[in-house]
Amino acid sequence: SIPERVDQISGRLRRGESLCRLDREVYRRRNVVERCFNRLKQNKALATRYDKRARHYKALVTLACLRLWLPN
């Protein structure tokens, strides 16, 4: 990441803001979505999109989601 200038950091501290601008709740929700996509992409046919028709691809996405959510 790009380092911040010293005057920006000191200005934020003077205003009472924290050094970390990360919103933890947003990060947690984003992380869940990213992990879900990573798990879905483990399905090779889904990751490379072998199907030409949209409805077939949508059906494959649905099946992959069901495989994630249903117990083994």
Protein backbone atom coordinates (compact mmCIF):
# COMPACT_ATOMS: atom_id res chain seq x y z
CA SER A 1 0.00 0.00 0.00
CA ILE A 2 1.01 3.61 -0.46
CA PRO A 3 2.44 5.23 2.68
CA GLU A 4 0.58 8.25 4.00
CA ARG A 5 2.15 11.64 4.45
CA VAL A 6 3.14 12.62 7.98
CA ASP A 7 0.89 15.71 7.97
CA GLN A 8 -2.15 13.59 7.06
CA ILE A 9 -1.45 11.19 9.92
CA SER A 10 -0.90 14.00 12.45
CA GLY A 11 -4.05 15.82 11.25
CA ARG A 12 -6.12 12.70 11.75
CA LEU A 13 -4.70 12.23 15.24
CA ARG A 14 -5.51 15.86 16.14
CA ARG A 15 -9.13 15.34 15.09
CA GLY A 16 -9.34 12.26 17.33
CA GLU A 17 -9.51 9.69 14.54
CA SER A 18 -7.68 6.42 14.86
CA LEU A 19 -4.68 5.50 12.74
CA CYS A 20 -6.50 2.50 11.34
CA ARG A 21 -9.24 3.50 8.91
CA LEU A 22 -10.48 -0.09 8.55
CA ASP A 23 -14.16 -0.66 9.32
CA ARG A 24 -14.05 -4.08 10.94
CA GLU A 25 -17.72 -4.95 10.37
CA VAL A 26 -17.54 -4.15 6.67
CA TYR A 27 -14.31 -6.15 6.40
CA ARG A 28 -15.92 -9.18 8.07
CA ARG A 29 -18.88 -9.14 5.67
CA ARG A 30 -16.62 -8.64 2.65
CA ASN A 31 -14.38 -11.49 3.80
CA VAL A 32 -17.35 -13.88 3.98
CA VAL A 33 -18.36 -13.02 0.41
CA GLU A 34 -14.80 -13.37 -0.90
CA ARG A 35 -14.36 -16.75 0.78
CA CYS A 36 -17.65 -17.92 -0.74
CA PHE A 37 -16.48 -16.93 -4.23
CA ASN A 38 -13.15 -18.68 -3.65
CA ARG A 39 -14.96 -21.87 -2.65
CA LEU A 40 -17.20 -21.64 -5.72
CA LYS A 41 -14.19 -21.14 -8.00
CA GLN A 42 -12.77 -24.49 -6.83
CA ASN A 43 -15.28 -26.03 -9.22
CA LYS A 44 -13.29 -26.11 -12.47
CA ALA A 45 -16.30 -26.01 -14.79
CA LEU A 46 -17.60 -22.97 -12.94
CA ALA A 47 -14.25 -21.16 -12.90
CA THR A 48 -13.59 -21.67 -16.63
CA ARG A 49 -17.24 -21.36 -17.71
CA TYR A 50 -17.45 -24.29 -20.09
CA ASP A 51 -21.17 -23.78 -20.65
CA LYS A 52 -22.14 -21.53 -23.54
CA ARG A 53 -25.71 -20.80 -22.48
CA ALA A 54 -26.51 -18.54 -19.55
CA ARG A 55 -29.20 -20.81 -18.13
CA HIS A 56 -26.79 -23.77 -18.02
CA TYR A 57 -24.17 -21.65 -16.26
CA LYS A 58 -26.79 -20.39 -13.80
CA ALA A 59 -27.82 -23.97 -13.07
CA LEU A 60 -24.18 -24.88 -12.45
CA VAL A 61 -23.78 -21.94 -10.04
CA THR A 62 -26.94 -23.07 -8.22
CA LEU A 63 -25.63 -26.63 -7.90
CA ALA A 64 -22.25 -25.40 -6.65
CA CYS A 65 -23.99 -23.24 -4.02
CA LEU A 66 -26.10 -26.17 -2.89
CA ARG A 67 -22.98 -28.28 -2.52
CA LEU A 68 -21.51 -25.60 -0.25
CA TRP A 69 -24.56 -25.20 1.95
CA LEU A 70 -25.76 -28.78 2.30
CA PRO A 71 -24.02 -30.98 4.85
CA ASN A 72 -21.81 -33.77 3.51
